[in-house]
């Protein structure tokens, strides 16, 4: 993971390479909270693939990069 201040900064850093998935820092924060918020609960159970995919979809993280296997 790399953090950049703008799309222009990403383009300069990449040069001629094609960027992968990019998201704003706020979306990354929202994803972290949604993904990990229940981990320390004593009754924690792993989510299903569909439940994890629903988190990504709800945050607008859609497309081939964000589709779980």
C-alpha atoms as a PDB file:
ATOM      1  CA  UNK A   1       0.000   0.000   0.000  1.00  0.00           C
ATOM      2  CA  UNK A   2       1.220   3.463  -0.880  1.00  0.00           C
ATOM      3  CA  UNK A   3      -0.363   6.741   0.152  1.00  0.00           C
ATOM      4  CA  UNK A   4      -0.412   9.647  -2.279  1.00  0.00           C
ATOM      5  CA  UNK A   5      -1.755  13.178  -2.035  1.00  0.00           C
ATOM      6  CA  UNK A   6      -3.340  13.316  -5.494  1.00  0.00           C
ATOM      7  CA  UNK A   7      -3.974  11.510  -8.767  1.00  0.00           C
ATOM      8  CA  UNK A   8      -1.166  13.603 -10.275  1.00  0.00           C
ATOM      9  CA  UNK A   9       1.215  12.376  -7.593  1.00  0.00           C
ATOM     10  CA  UNK A  10       0.266   8.783  -8.441  1.00  0.00           C
ATOM     11  CA  UNK A  11       0.879   9.406 -12.137  1.00  0.00           C
ATOM     12  CA  UNK A  12       4.323  10.907 -11.457  1.00  0.00           C
ATOM     13  CA  UNK A  13       5.273   8.027  -9.166  1.00  0.00           C
ATOM     14  CA  UNK A  14       4.130   5.375 -11.653  1.00  0.00           C
ATOM     15  CA  UNK A  15       5.696   6.922 -14.716  1.00  0.00           C
ATOM     16  CA  UNK A  16       4.469   4.901 -17.719  1.00  0.00           C
ATOM     17  CA  UNK A  17       3.073   2.039 -15.601  1.00  0.00           C
ATOM     18  CA  UNK A  18      -0.666   1.454 -15.276  1.00  0.00           C
ATOM     19  CA  UNK A  19      -2.057   2.037 -11.785  1.00  0.00           C
ATOM     20  CA  UNK A  20      -3.842  -0.683  -9.859  1.00  0.00           C
ATOM     21  CA  UNK A  21      -6.830   0.062  -7.651  1.00  0.00           C
ATOM     22  CA  UNK A  22      -6.730   3.435  -5.947  1.00  0.00           C
ATOM     23  CA  UNK A  23      -9.068   4.654  -3.218  1.00  0.00           C
ATOM     24  CA  UNK A  24      -9.263   7.779  -1.073  1.00  0.00           C
ATOM     25  CA  UNK A  25      -7.826   7.587   2.456  1.00  0.00           C
ATOM     26  CA  UNK A  26     -11.330   7.983   3.912  1.00  0.00           C
ATOM     27  CA  UNK A  27     -12.519   4.912   2.014  1.00  0.00           C
ATOM     28  CA  UNK A  28      -9.508   2.987   3.305  1.00  0.00           C
ATOM     29  CA  UNK A  29     -10.427   4.038   6.843  1.00  0.00           C
ATOM     30  CA  UNK A  30     -14.073   3.043   6.292  1.00  0.00           C
ATOM     31  CA  UNK A  31     -12.937  -0.327   4.936  1.00  0.00           C
ATOM     32  CA  UNK A  32     -10.664  -0.968   7.913  1.00  0.00           C
ATOM     33  CA  UNK A  33     -13.458  -0.195  10.356  1.00  0.00           C
ATOM     34  CA  UNK A  34     -15.989  -2.343   8.516  1.00  0.00           C
ATOM     35  CA  UNK A  35     -13.560  -5.241   8.051  1.00  0.00           C
ATOM     36  CA  UNK A  36     -12.041  -5.380  11.546  1.00  0.00           C
ATOM     37  CA  UNK A  37     -14.615  -3.843  13.918  1.00  0.00           C
ATOM     38  CA  UNK A  38     -15.808  -7.168  15.356  1.00  0.00           C
ATOM     39  CA  UNK A  39     -12.448  -8.980  15.588  1.00  0.00           C
ATOM     40  CA  UNK A  40     -11.918  -8.527  19.326  1.00  0.00           C
ATOM     41  CA  UNK A  41     -15.387  -9.634  20.378  1.00  0.00           C
ATOM     42  CA  UNK A  42     -15.403 -12.888  22.378  1.00  0.00           C
ATOM     43  CA  UNK A  43     -18.129 -14.293  20.123  1.00  0.00           C
ATOM     44  CA  UNK A  44     -16.330 -13.358  16.890  1.00  0.00           C
ATOM     45  CA  UNK A  45     -16.887 -15.648  13.948  1.00  0.00           C
ATOM     46  CA  UNK A  46     -15.241 -15.346  10.539  1.00  0.00           C
ATOM     47  CA  UNK A  47     -17.473 -13.829   7.884  1.00  0.00           C
ATOM     48  CA  UNK A  48     -18.463 -15.713   4.788  1.00  0.00           C
ATOM     49  CA  UNK A  49     -17.133 -14.720   1.406  1.00  0.00           C
ATOM     50  CA  UNK A  50     -20.519 -13.186   0.578  1.00  0.00           C
ATOM     51  CA  UNK A  51     -20.521 -11.130   3.784  1.00  0.00           C
ATOM     52  CA  UNK A  52     -17.025  -9.840   3.010  1.00  0.00           C
ATOM     53  CA  UNK A  53     -18.042  -9.057  -0.555  1.00  0.00           C
ATOM     54  CA  UNK A  54     -21.052  -7.144   0.770  1.00  0.00           C
ATOM     55  CA  UNK A  55     -18.707  -4.900   2.777  1.00  0.00           C
ATOM     56  CA  UNK A  56     -16.717  -4.073  -0.342  1.00  0.00           C
ATOM     57  CA  UNK A  57     -19.859  -3.499  -2.386  1.00  0.00           C
ATOM     58  CA  UNK A  58     -21.409  -1.263   0.295  1.00  0.00           C
ATOM     59  CA  UNK A  59     -18.296   0.924   0.249  1.00  0.00           C
ATOM     60  CA  UNK A  60     -18.450   1.199  -3.544  1.00  0.00           C
ATOM     61  CA  UNK A  61     -15.383  -0.990  -4.025  1.00  0.00           C
ATOM     62  CA  UNK A  62     -16.579  -2.830  -7.096  1.00  0.00           C
ATOM     63  CA  UNK A  63     -15.025  -4.224 -10.241  1.00  0.00           C
ATOM     64  CA  UNK A  64     -12.578  -7.019 -11.012  1.00  0.00           C
ATOM     65  CA  UNK A  65      -9.951  -5.914  -8.467  1.00  0.00           C
ATOM     66  CA  UNK A  66     -12.488  -5.920  -5.624  1.00  0.00           C
ATOM     67  CA  UNK A  67     -14.261  -9.175  -6.508  1.00  0.00           C
ATOM     68  CA  UNK A  68     -13.297 -11.847  -3.996  1.00  0.00           C
ATOM     69  CA  UNK A  69     -12.492 -15.336  -5.308  1.00  0.00           C
END
